[in-house]
Structures are given as structure tokens and as C-alpha cells.
Amino acid sequence: QDFFTEYMESWQRIVWRLIVPTPLIFTLFYWYTQGVTNILPGAPPVSPLDYLFFSLRTMVTLAYSDFTPVGAGQWLAPLEGALGIIFLALLGFSVAKRIARD
């Protein structure tokens, strides 16, 4: 089997090898580049949990709320959003394929 077929056969692979690691990796990128800022007046500095929250929210909705990407984050956020759409579509396709097969 080729790489693509292997992922399409198992929704668990898609979740554990693509969907779960992606926001964790992007959280590290946002933290390293200081690519997220809080736009609320008088807000405390962005914490590591804020970076994770921003990353998770960006991956599934592209809604930034009180955080906004700055600097390198302006390039990382759309990339993460696009990957989130692709990975979630793969997950939906994999689950639908399994239901149709059973």
C-alpha cells in the first residue's frame, strides 16, 4: 500500500499522527517566534496555554477572538488553518469510507 492509502484506511492514524500533533507543533512555533499577541487593552502577556488555545482554535475555525497573529504568526496561522481543513476532511472521508464498507 502507498502512504495515502495507509492513512485513509485508519481514522486512528489520521487523528494520532496528523490532527493531534499539528496544534502542538504550531504552539511551539508561535511561542518561539512570539507570533501571537493579546489585543485586549491591559491584558497580561501571552502564556504558553494561550499559544495552545490560539493554535487549537486556528486549526478548527480560523477565529482569533482576543488573540491575533503578528510577525511570523501571520504566515503560520493561515498555514495551520489550511492543514486543519485538509486533515479534518481526510478524517471525515476515512470515517465515511469505513461506514460505507461495513
N, C-alpha and C. Protein backbone atom coordinates (compact mmCIF):
# COMPACT_ATOMS: atom_id res chain seq x y z
N GLN A 1 0.84 -1.20 0.00
CA GLN A 1 0.00 0.00 0.00
C GLN A 1 0.88 1.25 0.00
N ASP A 2 0.37 2.28 -0.62
CA ASP A 2 1.11 3.53 -0.61
C ASP A 2 0.76 4.35 0.63
N PHE A 3 1.48 5.43 0.82
CA PHE A 3 1.35 6.28 2.00
C PHE A 3 -0.08 6.79 2.17
N PHE A 4 -0.67 7.31 1.10
CA PHE A 4 -2.00 7.90 1.17
C PHE A 4 -3.05 6.85 1.53
N THR A 5 -2.98 5.70 0.90
CA THR A 5 -3.96 4.63 1.18
C THR A 5 -3.86 4.16 2.62
N GLU A 6 -2.63 4.08 3.13
CA GLU A 6 -2.44 3.66 4.52
C GLU A 6 -3.17 4.59 5.48
N TYR A 7 -3.09 5.90 5.27
CA TYR A 7 -3.77 6.84 6.14
C TYR A 7 -5.28 6.78 5.96
N MET A 8 -5.74 6.54 4.75
CA MET A 8 -7.18 6.53 4.51
C MET A 8 -7.85 5.29 5.11
N GLU A 9 -7.09 4.23 5.35
CA GLU A 9 -7.67 3.02 5.89
C GLU A 9 -7.96 3.11 7.39
N SER A 10 -7.30 4.00 8.10
CA SER A 10 -7.45 4.04 9.55
C SER A 10 -7.67 5.48 10.04
N TRP A 11 -8.86 5.72 10.56
CA TRP A 11 -9.12 7.07 11.09
C TRP A 11 -8.25 7.34 12.31
N GLN A 12 -7.84 6.30 13.05
CA GLN A 12 -6.99 6.50 14.22
C GLN A 12 -5.62 7.06 13.82
N ARG A 13 -5.09 6.60 12.69
CA ARG A 13 -3.81 7.15 12.21
C ARG A 13 -3.94 8.63 11.89
N ILE A 14 -5.05 8.99 11.27
CA ILE A 14 -5.25 10.40 10.93
C ILE A 14 -5.29 11.23 12.20
N VAL A 15 -6.01 10.77 13.21
CA VAL A 15 -6.13 11.52 14.46
C VAL A 15 -4.78 11.62 15.17
N TRP A 16 -4.13 10.48 15.41
CA TRP A 16 -2.93 10.46 16.25
C TRP A 16 -1.66 10.90 15.55
N ARG A 17 -1.61 10.80 14.22
CA ARG A 17 -0.39 11.19 13.51
C ARG A 17 -0.50 12.52 12.80
N LEU A 18 -1.71 13.04 12.60
CA LEU A 18 -1.87 14.31 11.90
C LEU A 18 -2.58 15.36 12.75
N ILE A 19 -3.78 15.03 13.24
CA ILE A 19 -4.60 16.04 13.90
C ILE A 19 -4.06 16.41 15.28
N VAL A 20 -3.67 15.45 16.09
CA VAL A 20 -3.19 15.76 17.45
C VAL A 20 -1.84 16.50 17.43
N PRO A 21 -0.84 16.03 16.67
CA PRO A 21 0.46 16.72 16.73
C PRO A 21 0.47 18.12 16.12
N THR A 22 -0.39 18.39 15.15
CA THR A 22 -0.34 19.67 14.44
C THR A 22 -0.47 20.87 15.37
N PRO A 23 -1.51 20.98 16.21
CA PRO A 23 -1.57 22.16 17.08
C PRO A 23 -0.43 22.21 18.09
N LEU A 24 0.08 21.06 18.50
CA LEU A 24 1.21 21.07 19.45
C LEU A 24 2.47 21.62 18.79
N ILE A 25 2.71 21.22 17.55
CA ILE A 25 3.88 21.73 16.82
C ILE A 25 3.72 23.22 16.55
N PHE A 26 2.55 23.64 16.11
CA PHE A 26 2.34 25.06 15.84
C PHE A 26 2.40 25.89 17.12
N THR A 27 1.98 25.32 18.25
CA THR A 27 2.11 26.03 19.53
C THR A 27 3.57 26.37 19.79
N LEU A 28 4.45 25.41 19.54
CA LEU A 28 5.89 25.67 19.73
C LEU A 28 6.39 26.74 18.77
N PHE A 29 5.92 26.70 17.52
CA PHE A 29 6.32 27.74 16.55
C PHE A 29 5.84 29.11 17.00
N TYR A 30 4.58 29.22 17.44
CA TYR A 30 4.06 30.51 17.90
C TYR A 30 4.85 31.02 19.10
N TRP A 31 5.15 30.13 20.02
CA TRP A 31 5.91 30.52 21.22
C TRP A 31 7.31 30.97 20.84
N TYR A 32 7.99 30.21 19.98
CA TYR A 32 9.37 30.52 19.60
C TYR A 32 9.46 31.85 18.86
N THR A 33 8.50 32.11 17.98
CA THR A 33 8.53 33.34 17.18
C THR A 33 7.78 34.50 17.84
N GLN A 34 7.14 34.24 19.00
CA GLN A 34 6.28 35.25 19.64
C GLN A 34 5.25 35.76 18.62
N GLY A 35 4.64 34.80 17.90
CA GLY A 35 3.77 35.10 16.78
C GLY A 35 2.32 35.37 17.12
N VAL A 36 2.01 35.53 18.41
CA VAL A 36 0.63 35.81 18.83
C VAL A 36 0.66 36.91 19.87
N THR A 37 -0.30 37.81 19.78
CA THR A 37 -0.43 38.85 20.79
C THR A 37 -1.88 38.96 21.24
N ASN A 38 -2.06 39.44 22.46
CA ASN A 38 -3.38 39.67 23.01
C ASN A 38 -3.78 41.10 22.68
N ILE A 39 -4.93 41.28 22.04
CA ILE A 39 -5.33 42.61 21.59
C ILE A 39 -6.20 43.36 22.60
N LEU A 40 -6.54 42.73 23.72
CA LEU A 40 -7.35 43.41 24.72
C LEU A 40 -6.49 44.42 25.48
N PRO A 41 -7.02 45.61 25.73
CA PRO A 41 -6.24 46.61 26.46
C PRO A 41 -5.96 46.15 27.89
N GLY A 42 -4.73 46.29 28.33
CA GLY A 42 -4.34 45.93 29.69
C GLY A 42 -4.26 44.44 29.94
N ALA A 43 -4.25 43.65 28.89
CA ALA A 43 -4.21 42.19 29.04
C ALA A 43 -2.80 41.74 29.45
N PRO A 44 -2.71 40.65 30.20
CA PRO A 44 -1.39 40.13 30.57
C PRO A 44 -0.67 39.58 29.34
N PRO A 45 0.63 39.35 29.46
CA PRO A 45 1.38 38.76 28.33
C PRO A 45 0.82 37.39 27.96
N VAL A 46 1.06 37.00 26.74
CA VAL A 46 0.55 35.71 26.25
C VAL A 46 1.32 34.58 26.93
N SER A 47 0.57 33.62 27.49
CA SER A 47 1.17 32.48 28.19
C SER A 47 1.26 31.27 27.26
N PRO A 48 2.01 30.23 27.64
CA PRO A 48 2.06 29.03 26.82
C PRO A 48 0.67 28.41 26.56
N LEU A 49 -0.20 28.45 27.54
CA LEU A 49 -1.56 27.93 27.32
C LEU A 49 -2.33 28.79 26.32
N ASP A 50 -2.05 30.09 26.31
CA ASP A 50 -2.68 30.96 25.32
C ASP A 50 -2.23 30.59 23.91
N TYR A 51 -0.94 30.26 23.75
CA TYR A 51 -0.45 29.83 22.44
C TYR A 51 -1.16 28.54 22.00
N LEU A 52 -1.33 27.60 22.94
CA LEU A 52 -2.03 26.36 22.62
C LEU A 52 -3.49 26.63 22.27
N PHE A 53 -4.15 27.47 23.03
CA PHE A 53 -5.55 27.84 22.76
C PHE A 53 -5.66 28.46 21.37
N PHE A 54 -4.77 29.39 21.06
CA PHE A 54 -4.78 30.03 19.75
C PHE A 54 -4.57 29.00 18.64
N SER A 55 -3.63 28.09 18.86
CA SER A 55 -3.33 27.08 17.86
C SER A 55 -4.51 26.15 17.61
N LEU A 56 -5.13 25.66 18.67
CA LEU A 56 -6.30 24.78 18.52
C LEU A 56 -7.45 25.50 17.83
N ARG A 57 -7.67 26.72 18.24
CA ARG A 57 -8.78 27.48 17.66
C ARG A 57 -8.52 27.81 16.19
N THR A 58 -7.27 28.10 15.87
CA THR A 58 -6.92 28.40 14.48
C THR A 58 -7.07 27.17 13.61
N MET A 59 -6.69 26.01 14.14
CA MET A 59 -6.76 24.79 13.33
C MET A 59 -8.19 24.43 12.96
N VAL A 60 -9.14 24.68 13.83
CA VAL A 60 -10.51 24.23 13.55
C VAL A 60 -11.46 25.34 13.10
N THR A 61 -11.14 26.61 13.32
CA THR A 61 -12.12 27.65 12.97
C THR A 61 -11.56 28.88 12.28
N LEU A 62 -10.31 29.18 12.45
CA LEU A 62 -9.70 30.43 11.99
C LEU A 62 -10.34 31.66 12.63
N ALA A 63 -10.92 31.51 13.82
CA ALA A 63 -11.46 32.63 14.58
C ALA A 63 -10.44 33.00 15.65
N TYR A 64 -9.99 34.22 15.66
CA TYR A 64 -8.89 34.59 16.53
C TYR A 64 -9.32 35.13 17.89
N SER A 65 -10.51 35.61 18.05
CA SER A 65 -11.04 36.18 19.30
C SER A 65 -10.14 37.28 19.82
N ASP A 66 -9.65 37.16 21.06
CA ASP A 66 -8.85 38.23 21.65
C ASP A 66 -7.36 38.08 21.34
N PHE A 67 -6.97 37.06 20.59
CA PHE A 67 -5.58 36.89 20.17
C PHE A 67 -5.49 37.11 18.67
N THR A 68 -4.38 37.67 18.25
CA THR A 68 -4.17 37.90 16.82
C THR A 68 -2.74 37.54 16.46
N PRO A 69 -2.54 36.98 15.25
CA PRO A 69 -1.18 36.65 14.85
C PRO A 69 -0.40 37.90 14.49
N VAL A 70 0.88 37.90 14.83
CA VAL A 70 1.77 39.01 14.47
C VAL A 70 3.08 38.41 13.95
N GLY A 71 3.80 39.18 13.17
CA GLY A 71 5.09 38.72 12.67
C GLY A 71 4.96 37.41 11.92
N ALA A 72 5.78 36.41 12.32
CA ALA A 72 5.76 35.10 11.67
C ALA A 72 4.40 34.41 11.85
N GLY A 73 3.68 34.75 12.90
CA GLY A 73 2.36 34.16 13.13
C GLY A 73 1.39 34.47 12.02
N GLN A 74 1.61 35.59 11.31
CA GLN A 74 0.73 35.93 10.19
C GLN A 74 0.90 34.96 9.02
N TRP A 75 2.01 34.28 8.96
CA TRP A 75 2.23 33.25 7.94
C TRP A 75 1.86 31.87 8.48
N LEU A 76 2.10 31.65 9.77
CA LEU A 76 1.83 30.34 10.36
C LEU A 76 0.34 30.07 10.52
N ALA A 77 -0.43 31.07 10.93
CA ALA A 77 -1.86 30.86 11.20
C ALA A 77 -2.64 30.39 9.97
N PRO A 78 -2.49 31.04 8.81
CA PRO A 78 -3.22 30.53 7.64
C PRO A 78 -2.77 29.12 7.22
N LEU A 79 -1.47 28.85 7.37
CA LEU A 79 -0.97 27.51 7.06
C LEU A 79 -1.60 26.47 7.98
N GLU A 80 -1.67 26.78 9.27
CA GLU A 80 -2.29 25.85 10.21
C GLU A 80 -3.77 25.67 9.91
N GLY A 81 -4.45 26.75 9.56
CA GLY A 81 -5.87 26.65 9.21
C GLY A 81 -6.09 25.77 7.99
N ALA A 82 -5.24 25.92 6.98
CA ALA A 82 -5.35 25.10 5.77
C ALA A 82 -5.09 23.63 6.09
N LEU A 83 -4.06 23.37 6.90
CA LEU A 83 -3.78 21.98 7.30
C LEU A 83 -4.94 21.40 8.09
N GLY A 84 -5.53 22.21 8.97
CA GLY A 84 -6.68 21.74 9.75
C GLY A 84 -7.84 21.34 8.86
N ILE A 85 -8.12 22.14 7.84
CA ILE A 85 -9.21 21.82 6.91
C ILE A 85 -8.91 20.52 6.18
N ILE A 86 -7.68 20.38 5.70
CA ILE A 86 -7.30 19.17 4.96
C ILE A 86 -7.37 17.94 5.86
N PHE A 87 -6.80 18.04 7.07
CA PHE A 87 -6.76 16.88 7.97
C PHE A 87 -8.16 16.48 8.43
N LEU A 88 -9.00 17.46 8.72
CA LEU A 88 -10.37 17.14 9.14
C LEU A 88 -11.17 16.56 7.98
N ALA A 89 -10.92 17.02 6.76
CA ALA A 89 -11.58 16.43 5.58
C ALA A 89 -11.12 14.99 5.40
N LEU A 90 -9.83 14.72 5.58
CA LEU A 90 -9.32 13.35 5.49
C LEU A 90 -9.99 12.45 6.54
N LEU A 91 -10.14 12.99 7.74
CA LEU A 91 -10.80 12.23 8.80
C LEU A 91 -12.24 11.91 8.41
N GLY A 92 -12.97 12.89 7.93
CA GLY A 92 -14.35 12.67 7.51
C GLY A 92 -14.45 11.65 6.38
N PHE A 93 -13.53 11.75 5.42
CA PHE A 93 -13.53 10.80 4.31
C PHE A 93 -13.23 9.39 4.81
N SER A 94 -12.27 9.26 5.71
CA SER A 94 -11.89 7.95 6.24
C SER A 94 -13.05 7.31 7.01
N VAL A 95 -13.72 8.10 7.83
CA VAL A 95 -14.86 7.57 8.60
C VAL A 95 -16.00 7.19 7.66
N ALA A 96 -16.30 8.03 6.67
CA ALA A 96 -17.37 7.72 5.72
C ALA A 96 -17.05 6.46 4.92
N LYS A 97 -15.78 6.32 4.54
CA LYS A 97 -15.37 5.13 3.79
C LYS A 97 -15.55 3.88 4.64
N ARG A 98 -15.21 3.97 5.91
CA ARG A 98 -15.35 2.82 6.79
C ARG A 98 -16.83 2.46 7.00
N ILE A 99 -17.68 3.47 7.16
CA ILE A 99 -19.12 3.22 7.34
C ILE A 99 -19.70 2.58 6.08
N ALA A 100 -19.30 3.08 4.92
CA ALA A 100 -19.82 2.54 3.66
C ALA A 100 -19.34 1.10 3.44
N ARG A 101 -18.15 0.78 3.91
CA ARG A 101 -17.61 -0.56 3.74
C ARG A 101 -18.31 -1.56 4.67
N ASP A 102 -18.69 -1.12 5.87
CA ASP A 102 -19.32 -2.03 6.85
C ASP A 102 -20.76 -2.25 6.59
